[in-house]
Amino acid sequence: MPDRPAAASLLDELQQTRPFRSDAQEAALALLRTASVVARRFARVVEPTGLSLAQYNVLRILRGAGPDGLPTLAIRDRMIDEGSTVTRLLDKLERAGYVSRDRDRPDRRQVLCRIAPKGSELLATLDPVVDAADESATGMLSPEERRTLIALLGAIRAPQPSDSR
């Protein structure tokens, strides 16, 4: 792996002159800042198509679900950004012709969502540029560093005892 340029410290990047209160604070802020930087890069890839990152995520989820589709709540549970309002996202995607929604026959309360052919076609055009963005986001890391990063991020996302409050 070629030498990579030194990354700016988070203090420098945020133009902060006082040190962080703790390593925990610096690590949490570095994680949030990194997530924001990566999200902006991906937004620049999908937004020219008229999609938000959250809408793109819904389409990806529905493509992965296959022809059976998914109930709205299952989509919500699989979203990367848990703060997204799935019903509103689906409304916009359905108006654009990218998804369809049907009431499930046995349980009329449940709405099944499926990706429409137009949504699949859009994702197919986005796949190569998103793949390139994936590579760009972590291309400076070796395969071993990527696996370590994945494991560390998984540990951070794992439920913590304090989460039950």
N, C-alpha and C. Protein backbone atom coordinates (compact mmCIF):
# COMPACT_ATOMS: atom_id res chain seq x y z
N MET A 1 0.86 -1.19 0.00
CA MET A 1 0.00 0.00 0.00
C MET A 1 0.89 1.23 0.00
N PRO A 2 0.66 2.18 -0.91
CA PRO A 2 1.50 3.38 -0.96
C PRO A 2 1.30 4.21 0.30
N ASP A 3 2.35 5.01 0.60
CA ASP A 3 2.23 5.91 1.75
C ASP A 3 1.08 6.87 1.50
N ARG A 4 0.33 7.12 2.55
CA ARG A 4 -0.78 8.06 2.42
C ARG A 4 -0.43 9.34 3.16
N PRO A 5 -0.98 10.46 2.71
CA PRO A 5 -0.68 11.71 3.38
C PRO A 5 -1.24 11.69 4.80
N ALA A 6 -0.58 12.39 5.67
CA ALA A 6 -1.04 12.47 7.06
C ALA A 6 -2.38 13.19 7.11
N ALA A 7 -3.28 12.63 7.89
CA ALA A 7 -4.60 13.24 8.06
C ALA A 7 -4.48 14.39 9.05
N ALA A 8 -5.25 15.42 8.80
CA ALA A 8 -5.29 16.54 9.74
C ALA A 8 -5.90 16.04 11.05
N SER A 9 -5.42 16.60 12.15
CA SER A 9 -6.03 16.21 13.42
C SER A 9 -7.44 16.79 13.47
N LEU A 10 -8.28 16.16 14.27
CA LEU A 10 -9.65 16.64 14.41
C LEU A 10 -9.67 18.06 14.98
N LEU A 11 -8.75 18.35 15.90
CA LEU A 11 -8.66 19.71 16.44
C LEU A 11 -8.44 20.72 15.32
N ASP A 12 -7.49 20.40 14.42
CA ASP A 12 -7.21 21.30 13.30
C ASP A 12 -8.40 21.40 12.35
N GLU A 13 -9.00 20.25 12.06
CA GLU A 13 -10.10 20.21 11.12
C GLU A 13 -11.28 21.05 11.62
N LEU A 14 -11.54 20.98 12.92
CA LEU A 14 -12.65 21.74 13.51
C LEU A 14 -12.23 23.15 13.94
N GLN A 15 -10.97 23.48 13.73
CA GLN A 15 -10.40 24.77 14.12
C GLN A 15 -10.64 25.03 15.60
N GLN A 16 -10.41 23.98 16.37
CA GLN A 16 -10.61 24.04 17.81
C GLN A 16 -9.26 24.26 18.46
N THR A 17 -9.17 25.20 19.37
CA THR A 17 -7.89 25.51 20.01
C THR A 17 -7.72 24.83 21.37
N ARG A 18 -8.81 24.49 22.01
CA ARG A 18 -8.74 23.80 23.31
C ARG A 18 -8.75 22.30 23.09
N PRO A 19 -8.00 21.56 23.89
CA PRO A 19 -8.00 20.10 23.72
C PRO A 19 -9.36 19.50 24.10
N PHE A 20 -9.60 18.30 23.60
CA PHE A 20 -10.84 17.60 23.96
C PHE A 20 -10.79 17.24 25.44
N ARG A 21 -11.95 17.09 26.05
CA ARG A 21 -12.02 16.74 27.47
C ARG A 21 -11.49 15.34 27.74
N SER A 22 -11.60 14.47 26.74
CA SER A 22 -11.16 13.09 26.93
C SER A 22 -10.94 12.43 25.57
N ASP A 23 -10.27 11.28 25.59
CA ASP A 23 -10.14 10.49 24.36
C ASP A 23 -11.52 10.03 23.88
N ALA A 24 -12.41 9.74 24.82
CA ALA A 24 -13.76 9.29 24.46
C ALA A 24 -14.49 10.38 23.69
N GLN A 25 -14.36 11.63 24.14
CA GLN A 25 -15.00 12.74 23.43
C GLN A 25 -14.40 12.90 22.04
N GLU A 26 -13.09 12.85 21.93
CA GLU A 26 -12.45 12.99 20.63
C GLU A 26 -12.86 11.86 19.69
N ALA A 27 -12.91 10.62 20.20
CA ALA A 27 -13.30 9.48 19.38
C ALA A 27 -14.75 9.63 18.90
N ALA A 28 -15.65 10.02 19.78
CA ALA A 28 -17.06 10.17 19.40
C ALA A 28 -17.22 11.28 18.36
N LEU A 29 -16.54 12.42 18.56
CA LEU A 29 -16.63 13.52 17.60
C LEU A 29 -15.98 13.14 16.26
N ALA A 30 -14.89 12.40 16.31
CA ALA A 30 -14.24 11.96 15.07
C ALA A 30 -15.17 11.03 14.30
N LEU A 31 -15.87 10.16 15.00
CA LEU A 31 -16.83 9.25 14.36
C LEU A 31 -17.96 10.04 13.71
N LEU A 32 -18.53 11.00 14.44
CA LEU A 32 -19.62 11.81 13.89
C LEU A 32 -19.15 12.64 12.70
N ARG A 33 -17.98 13.23 12.81
CA ARG A 33 -17.44 14.05 11.72
C ARG A 33 -17.18 13.20 10.48
N THR A 34 -16.61 12.02 10.68
CA THR A 34 -16.32 11.13 9.56
C THR A 34 -17.60 10.68 8.89
N ALA A 35 -18.60 10.32 9.68
CA ALA A 35 -19.90 9.91 9.10
C ALA A 35 -20.48 11.04 8.26
N SER A 36 -20.36 12.27 8.74
CA SER A 36 -20.88 13.41 8.00
C SER A 36 -20.13 13.62 6.69
N VAL A 37 -18.82 13.51 6.72
CA VAL A 37 -18.01 13.68 5.51
C VAL A 37 -18.36 12.61 4.47
N VAL A 38 -18.46 11.36 4.90
CA VAL A 38 -18.78 10.26 3.99
C VAL A 38 -20.20 10.44 3.44
N ALA A 39 -21.14 10.82 4.29
CA ALA A 39 -22.53 11.02 3.84
C ALA A 39 -22.60 12.12 2.78
N ARG A 40 -21.85 13.20 2.97
CA ARG A 40 -21.84 14.28 1.96
C ARG A 40 -21.31 13.78 0.63
N ARG A 41 -20.28 12.95 0.66
CA ARG A 41 -19.72 12.40 -0.58
C ARG A 41 -20.76 11.55 -1.31
N PHE A 42 -21.47 10.72 -0.56
CA PHE A 42 -22.49 9.87 -1.18
C PHE A 42 -23.68 10.69 -1.66
N ALA A 43 -24.02 11.72 -0.92
CA ALA A 43 -25.13 12.59 -1.34
C ALA A 43 -24.81 13.21 -2.70
N ARG A 44 -23.56 13.62 -2.90
CA ARG A 44 -23.18 14.21 -4.19
C ARG A 44 -23.32 13.21 -5.34
N VAL A 45 -23.25 11.92 -5.02
CA VAL A 45 -23.39 10.89 -6.05
C VAL A 45 -24.86 10.66 -6.41
N VAL A 46 -25.73 10.59 -5.40
CA VAL A 46 -27.13 10.22 -5.68
C VAL A 46 -28.04 11.42 -5.92
N GLU A 47 -27.74 12.57 -5.35
CA GLU A 47 -28.65 13.71 -5.47
C GLU A 47 -28.87 14.22 -6.90
N PRO A 48 -27.90 14.11 -7.82
CA PRO A 48 -28.19 14.53 -9.20
C PRO A 48 -29.34 13.75 -9.84
N THR A 49 -29.67 12.58 -9.31
CA THR A 49 -30.79 11.80 -9.85
C THR A 49 -32.12 12.24 -9.24
N GLY A 50 -32.07 13.18 -8.30
CA GLY A 50 -33.28 13.63 -7.62
C GLY A 50 -33.59 12.88 -6.34
N LEU A 51 -32.72 11.95 -5.96
CA LEU A 51 -32.92 11.18 -4.73
C LEU A 51 -32.14 11.78 -3.58
N SER A 52 -32.69 11.64 -2.39
CA SER A 52 -31.92 11.91 -1.18
C SER A 52 -31.19 10.62 -0.81
N LEU A 53 -30.24 10.72 0.10
CA LEU A 53 -29.56 9.51 0.56
C LEU A 53 -30.55 8.53 1.19
N ALA A 54 -31.50 9.04 1.95
CA ALA A 54 -32.49 8.18 2.60
C ALA A 54 -33.37 7.49 1.56
N GLN A 55 -33.76 8.19 0.51
CA GLN A 55 -34.57 7.58 -0.55
C GLN A 55 -33.76 6.50 -1.27
N TYR A 56 -32.51 6.78 -1.53
CA TYR A 56 -31.63 5.79 -2.15
C TYR A 56 -31.56 4.55 -1.27
N ASN A 57 -31.43 4.75 0.03
CA ASN A 57 -31.36 3.63 0.97
C ASN A 57 -32.63 2.78 0.92
N VAL A 58 -33.79 3.42 0.84
CA VAL A 58 -35.06 2.68 0.74
C VAL A 58 -35.07 1.84 -0.53
N LEU A 59 -34.65 2.42 -1.65
CA LEU A 59 -34.62 1.66 -2.90
C LEU A 59 -33.68 0.46 -2.81
N ARG A 60 -32.52 0.66 -2.21
CA ARG A 60 -31.56 -0.44 -2.02
C ARG A 60 -32.18 -1.56 -1.18
N ILE A 61 -32.84 -1.18 -0.11
CA ILE A 61 -33.47 -2.16 0.78
C ILE A 61 -34.53 -2.95 0.02
N LEU A 62 -35.36 -2.24 -0.75
CA LEU A 62 -36.43 -2.92 -1.48
C LEU A 62 -35.87 -3.80 -2.60
N ARG A 63 -34.82 -3.37 -3.25
CA ARG A 63 -34.20 -4.23 -4.27
C ARG A 63 -33.70 -5.52 -3.61
N GLY A 64 -33.09 -5.39 -2.46
CA GLY A 64 -32.58 -6.56 -1.75
C GLY A 64 -33.68 -7.49 -1.26
N ALA A 65 -34.86 -6.93 -1.02
CA ALA A 65 -35.98 -7.75 -0.53
C ALA A 65 -36.55 -8.64 -1.62
N GLY A 66 -36.32 -8.29 -2.86
CA GLY A 66 -36.83 -9.10 -3.96
C GLY A 66 -38.30 -8.87 -4.23
N PRO A 67 -38.92 -9.76 -5.02
CA PRO A 67 -40.30 -9.54 -5.47
C PRO A 67 -41.34 -9.59 -4.35
N ASP A 68 -41.02 -10.20 -3.22
CA ASP A 68 -41.98 -10.26 -2.12
C ASP A 68 -42.14 -8.92 -1.42
N GLY A 69 -41.16 -8.03 -1.57
CA GLY A 69 -41.24 -6.72 -0.92
C GLY A 69 -41.08 -6.81 0.58
N LEU A 70 -41.35 -5.70 1.23
CA LEU A 70 -41.22 -5.61 2.69
C LEU A 70 -42.31 -4.73 3.25
N PRO A 71 -42.75 -5.02 4.47
CA PRO A 71 -43.65 -4.09 5.16
C PRO A 71 -42.89 -2.81 5.53
N THR A 72 -43.61 -1.74 5.68
CA THR A 72 -43.02 -0.44 6.00
C THR A 72 -42.13 -0.51 7.24
N LEU A 73 -42.59 -1.16 8.29
CA LEU A 73 -41.79 -1.21 9.52
C LEU A 73 -40.49 -1.97 9.33
N ALA A 74 -40.48 -2.98 8.48
CA ALA A 74 -39.25 -3.72 8.21
C ALA A 74 -38.25 -2.82 7.47
N ILE A 75 -38.76 -1.96 6.60
CA ILE A 75 -37.87 -1.01 5.91
C ILE A 75 -37.25 -0.08 6.94
N ARG A 76 -38.08 0.45 7.82
CA ARG A 76 -37.59 1.36 8.86
C ARG A 76 -36.48 0.70 9.67
N ASP A 77 -36.66 -0.56 10.03
CA ASP A 77 -35.67 -1.27 10.84
C ASP A 77 -34.34 -1.46 10.12
N ARG A 78 -34.36 -1.44 8.79
CA ARG A 78 -33.14 -1.67 8.00
C ARG A 78 -32.47 -0.37 7.54
N MET A 79 -33.07 0.76 7.82
CA MET A 79 -32.53 2.04 7.36
C MET A 79 -31.18 2.33 8.03
N ILE A 80 -30.28 2.95 7.28
CA ILE A 80 -29.00 3.37 7.83
C ILE A 80 -29.23 4.53 8.79
N ASP A 81 -29.98 5.52 8.37
CA ASP A 81 -30.30 6.68 9.21
C ASP A 81 -31.64 6.40 9.89
N GLU A 82 -31.59 6.09 11.16
CA GLU A 82 -32.80 5.70 11.88
C GLU A 82 -33.78 6.85 12.06
N GLY A 83 -33.35 8.08 11.80
CA GLY A 83 -34.23 9.22 12.00
C GLY A 83 -35.16 9.50 10.83
N SER A 84 -34.99 8.78 9.75
CA SER A 84 -35.80 9.04 8.56
C SER A 84 -37.25 8.61 8.76
N THR A 85 -38.17 9.39 8.23
CA THR A 85 -39.58 9.06 8.26
C THR A 85 -39.90 8.24 7.02
N VAL A 86 -40.06 6.94 7.20
CA VAL A 86 -40.18 6.02 6.07
C VAL A 86 -41.43 6.30 5.25
N THR A 87 -42.55 6.59 5.90
CA THR A 87 -43.78 6.83 5.16
C THR A 87 -43.62 8.01 4.20
N ARG A 88 -43.02 9.07 4.65
CA ARG A 88 -42.80 10.24 3.79
C ARG A 88 -41.86 9.90 2.64
N LEU A 89 -40.81 9.14 2.93
CA LEU A 89 -39.88 8.72 1.87
C LEU A 89 -40.60 7.88 0.83
N LEU A 90 -41.42 6.94 1.30
CA LEU A 90 -42.17 6.08 0.38
C LEU A 90 -43.18 6.87 -0.44
N ASP A 91 -43.81 7.87 0.17
CA ASP A 91 -44.75 8.73 -0.57
C ASP A 91 -44.05 9.36 -1.78
N LYS A 92 -42.86 9.93 -1.55
CA LYS A 92 -42.12 10.58 -2.63
C LYS A 92 -41.66 9.58 -3.68
N LEU A 93 -41.17 8.43 -3.23
CA LEU A 93 -40.70 7.41 -4.17
C LEU A 93 -41.85 6.84 -4.99
N GLU A 94 -43.02 6.69 -4.37
CA GLU A 94 -44.18 6.18 -5.11
C GLU A 94 -44.66 7.20 -6.13
N ARG A 95 -44.68 8.48 -5.75
CA ARG A 95 -45.08 9.53 -6.71
C ARG A 95 -44.14 9.57 -7.92
N ALA A 96 -42.87 9.27 -7.68
CA ALA A 96 -41.88 9.27 -8.78
C ALA A 96 -41.92 7.98 -9.59
N GLY A 97 -42.70 7.00 -9.15
CA GLY A 97 -42.80 5.73 -9.88
C GLY A 97 -41.71 4.73 -9.55
N TYR A 98 -40.97 4.95 -8.46
CA TYR A 98 -39.86 4.07 -8.11
C TYR A 98 -40.28 2.89 -7.23
N VAL A 99 -41.40 3.03 -6.52
CA VAL A 99 -41.88 1.95 -5.65
C VAL A 99 -43.39 1.81 -5.80
N SER A 100 -43.89 0.66 -5.36
CA SER A 100 -45.33 0.47 -5.28
C SER A 100 -45.65 -0.02 -3.87
N ARG A 101 -46.86 0.28 -3.44
CA ARG A 101 -47.31 -0.16 -2.11
C ARG A 101 -48.67 -0.83 -2.27
N ASP A 102 -48.83 -1.95 -1.58
CA ASP A 102 -50.09 -2.69 -1.60
C ASP A 102 -50.43 -3.12 -0.19
N ARG A 103 -51.73 -3.10 0.09
CA ARG A 103 -52.18 -3.67 1.37
C ARG A 103 -52.06 -5.18 1.27
N ASP A 104 -51.48 -5.77 2.29
CA ASP A 104 -51.35 -7.22 2.34
C ASP A 104 -52.73 -7.84 2.45
N ARG A 105 -52.97 -8.90 1.71
CA ARG A 105 -54.31 -9.51 1.69
C ARG A 105 -54.75 -10.06 3.06
N PRO A 106 -53.96 -10.94 3.72
CA PRO A 106 -54.45 -11.48 4.98
C PRO A 106 -54.58 -10.42 6.07
N ASP A 107 -53.65 -9.47 6.10
CA ASP A 107 -53.67 -8.43 7.14
C ASP A 107 -53.73 -7.08 6.45
N ARG A 108 -54.92 -6.53 6.31
CA ARG A 108 -55.12 -5.27 5.57
C ARG A 108 -54.41 -4.09 6.24
N ARG A 109 -53.99 -4.26 7.49
CA ARG A 109 -53.29 -3.16 8.17
C ARG A 109 -51.85 -3.03 7.68
N GLN A 110 -51.30 -4.11 7.17
CA GLN A 110 -49.91 -4.12 6.75
C GLN A 110 -49.79 -3.68 5.28
N VAL A 111 -48.86 -2.77 5.05
CA VAL A 111 -48.59 -2.29 3.70
C VAL A 111 -47.29 -2.91 3.21
N LEU A 112 -47.36 -3.61 2.09
CA LEU A 112 -46.16 -4.19 1.49
C LEU A 112 -45.62 -3.24 0.43
N CYS A 113 -44.32 -3.03 0.48
CA CYS A 113 -43.66 -2.11 -0.45
C CYS A 113 -42.72 -2.93 -1.34
N ARG A 114 -42.72 -2.57 -2.61
CA ARG A 114 -41.86 -3.24 -3.59
C ARG A 114 -41.19 -2.20 -4.47
N ILE A 115 -40.00 -2.54 -4.93
CA ILE A 115 -39.35 -1.66 -5.88
C ILE A 115 -40.01 -1.86 -7.24
N ALA A 116 -40.26 -0.77 -7.92
CA ALA A 116 -40.86 -0.80 -9.26
C ALA A 116 -39.73 -0.93 -10.30
N PRO A 117 -40.06 -1.37 -11.51
CA PRO A 117 -39.03 -1.47 -12.55
C PRO A 117 -38.24 -0.17 -12.73
N LYS A 118 -38.93 0.95 -12.66
CA LYS A 118 -38.24 2.25 -12.81
C LYS A 118 -37.22 2.46 -11.69
N GLY A 119 -37.54 2.01 -10.48
CA GLY A 119 -36.60 2.11 -9.36
C GLY A 119 -35.41 1.20 -9.55
N SER A 120 -35.65 0.00 -10.05
CA SER A 120 -34.55 -0.94 -10.32
C SER A 120 -33.62 -0.39 -11.40
N GLU A 121 -34.20 0.22 -12.43
CA GLU A 121 -33.39 0.80 -13.50
C GLU A 121 -32.53 1.94 -12.97
N LEU A 122 -33.10 2.77 -12.11
CA LEU A 122 -32.33 3.88 -11.54
C LEU A 122 -31.17 3.34 -10.71
N LEU A 123 -31.42 2.34 -9.88
CA LEU A 123 -30.34 1.77 -9.08
C LEU A 123 -29.26 1.17 -9.97
N ALA A 124 -29.65 0.52 -11.04
CA ALA A 124 -28.67 -0.08 -11.95
C ALA A 124 -27.74 0.98 -12.54
N THR A 125 -28.29 2.17 -12.81
CA THR A 125 -27.43 3.25 -13.33
C THR A 125 -26.54 3.83 -12.23
N LEU A 126 -27.02 3.78 -10.99
CA LEU A 126 -26.25 4.33 -9.87
C LEU A 126 -25.19 3.36 -9.35
N ASP A 127 -25.39 2.06 -9.55
CA ASP A 127 -24.48 1.06 -8.97
C ASP A 127 -23.00 1.35 -9.25
N PRO A 128 -22.59 1.61 -10.48
CA PRO A 128 -21.15 1.83 -10.71
C PRO A 128 -20.61 3.07 -10.00
N VAL A 129 -21.39 4.14 -9.97
CA VAL A 129 -20.88 5.35 -9.31
C VAL A 129 -20.89 5.20 -7.78
N VAL A 130 -21.85 4.46 -7.26
CA VAL A 130 -21.87 4.20 -5.82
C VAL A 130 -20.72 3.26 -5.45
N ASP A 131 -20.46 2.26 -6.29
CA ASP A 131 -19.32 1.37 -6.05
C ASP A 131 -18.02 2.18 -6.01
N ALA A 132 -17.88 3.13 -6.92
CA ALA A 132 -16.69 3.98 -6.94
C ALA A 132 -16.61 4.84 -5.68
N ALA A 133 -17.76 5.33 -5.23
CA ALA A 133 -17.79 6.13 -4.00
C ALA A 133 -17.43 5.28 -2.79
N ASP A 134 -17.90 4.02 -2.77
CA ASP A 134 -17.52 3.09 -1.69
C ASP A 134 -16.01 2.95 -1.64
N GLU A 135 -15.43 2.72 -2.81
CA GLU A 135 -13.98 2.54 -2.89
C GLU A 135 -13.25 3.82 -2.47
N SER A 136 -13.75 4.95 -2.91
CA SER A 136 -13.13 6.23 -2.57
C SER A 136 -13.19 6.51 -1.08
N ALA A 137 -14.29 6.11 -0.44
CA ALA A 137 -14.47 6.39 0.99
C ALA A 137 -13.47 5.64 1.85
N THR A 138 -13.03 4.46 1.39
CA THR A 138 -12.11 3.67 2.21
C THR A 138 -10.88 3.21 1.44
N GLY A 139 -10.70 3.74 0.25
CA GLY A 139 -9.59 3.31 -0.60
C GLY A 139 -8.21 3.56 -0.03
N MET A 140 -8.11 4.47 0.93
CA MET A 140 -6.81 4.75 1.53
C MET A 140 -6.42 3.69 2.56
N LEU A 141 -7.35 2.77 2.87
CA LEU A 141 -7.10 1.72 3.85
C LEU A 141 -6.76 0.41 3.13
N SER A 142 -5.93 -0.37 3.76
CA SER A 142 -5.63 -1.70 3.23
C SER A 142 -6.84 -2.60 3.53
N PRO A 143 -6.93 -3.75 2.85
CA PRO A 143 -8.03 -4.68 3.16
C PRO A 143 -8.07 -5.06 4.65
N GLU A 144 -6.91 -5.26 5.25
CA GLU A 144 -6.88 -5.59 6.69
C GLU A 144 -7.39 -4.42 7.53
N GLU A 145 -7.00 -3.20 7.17
CA GLU A 145 -7.49 -2.03 7.91
C GLU A 145 -9.01 -1.89 7.76
N ARG A 146 -9.53 -2.18 6.57
CA ARG A 146 -10.98 -2.12 6.37
C ARG A 146 -11.69 -3.11 7.27
N ARG A 147 -11.16 -4.35 7.33
CA ARG A 147 -11.79 -5.36 8.20
C ARG A 147 -11.74 -4.93 9.66
N THR A 148 -10.61 -4.32 10.08
CA THR A 148 -10.49 -3.83 11.45
C THR A 148 -11.50 -2.71 11.69
N LEU A 149 -11.62 -1.81 10.74
CA LEU A 149 -12.58 -0.71 10.87
C LEU A 149 -14.00 -1.25 11.00
N ILE A 150 -14.35 -2.22 10.17
CA ILE A 150 -15.68 -2.81 10.22
C ILE A 150 -15.94 -3.41 11.60
N ALA A 151 -14.95 -4.11 12.14
CA ALA A 151 -15.10 -4.73 13.46
C ALA A 151 -15.24 -3.66 14.55
N LEU A 152 -14.42 -2.63 14.49
CA LEU A 152 -14.49 -1.56 15.50
C LEU A 152 -15.83 -0.83 15.45
N LEU A 153 -16.30 -0.54 14.25
CA LEU A 153 -17.59 0.14 14.13
C LEU A 153 -18.72 -0.76 14.61
N GLY A 154 -18.62 -2.05 14.36
CA GLY A 154 -19.61 -3.00 14.87
C GLY A 154 -19.64 -3.00 16.38
N ALA A 155 -18.47 -2.93 17.00
CA ALA A 155 -18.41 -2.88 18.46
C ALA A 155 -19.06 -1.61 19.00
N ILE A 156 -18.88 -0.51 18.30
CA ILE A 156 -19.49 0.75 18.73
C ILE A 156 -21.01 0.69 18.60
N ARG A 157 -21.50 0.04 17.54
CA ARG A 157 -22.95 -0.06 17.32
C ARG A 157 -23.63 -1.09 18.22
N ALA A 158 -22.86 -2.00 18.79
CA ALA A 158 -23.45 -3.05 19.63
C ALA A 158 -24.18 -2.43 20.82
N PRO A 159 -25.28 -3.04 21.21
CA PRO A 159 -26.02 -2.50 22.37
C PRO A 159 -25.12 -2.44 23.61
N GLN A 160 -25.25 -1.35 24.32
CA GLN A 160 -24.48 -1.14 25.54
C GLN A 160 -25.44 -1.18 26.74
N PRO A 161 -24.93 -1.54 27.93
CA PRO A 161 -25.80 -1.58 29.10
C PRO A 161 -26.56 -0.27 29.33
N SER A 162 -25.94 0.85 28.99
CA SER A 162 -26.59 2.15 29.20
C SER A 162 -27.71 2.41 28.20
N ASP A 163 -27.82 1.59 27.14
CA ASP A 163 -28.85 1.78 26.11
C ASP A 163 -30.26 1.47 26.62
N SER A 164 -30.37 0.73 27.72
CA SER A 164 -31.69 0.32 28.20
C SER A 164 -32.39 1.40 29.00
N ARG A 165 -31.73 2.52 29.25
CA ARG A 165 -32.36 3.61 30.02
C ARG A 165 -33.43 4.30 29.24
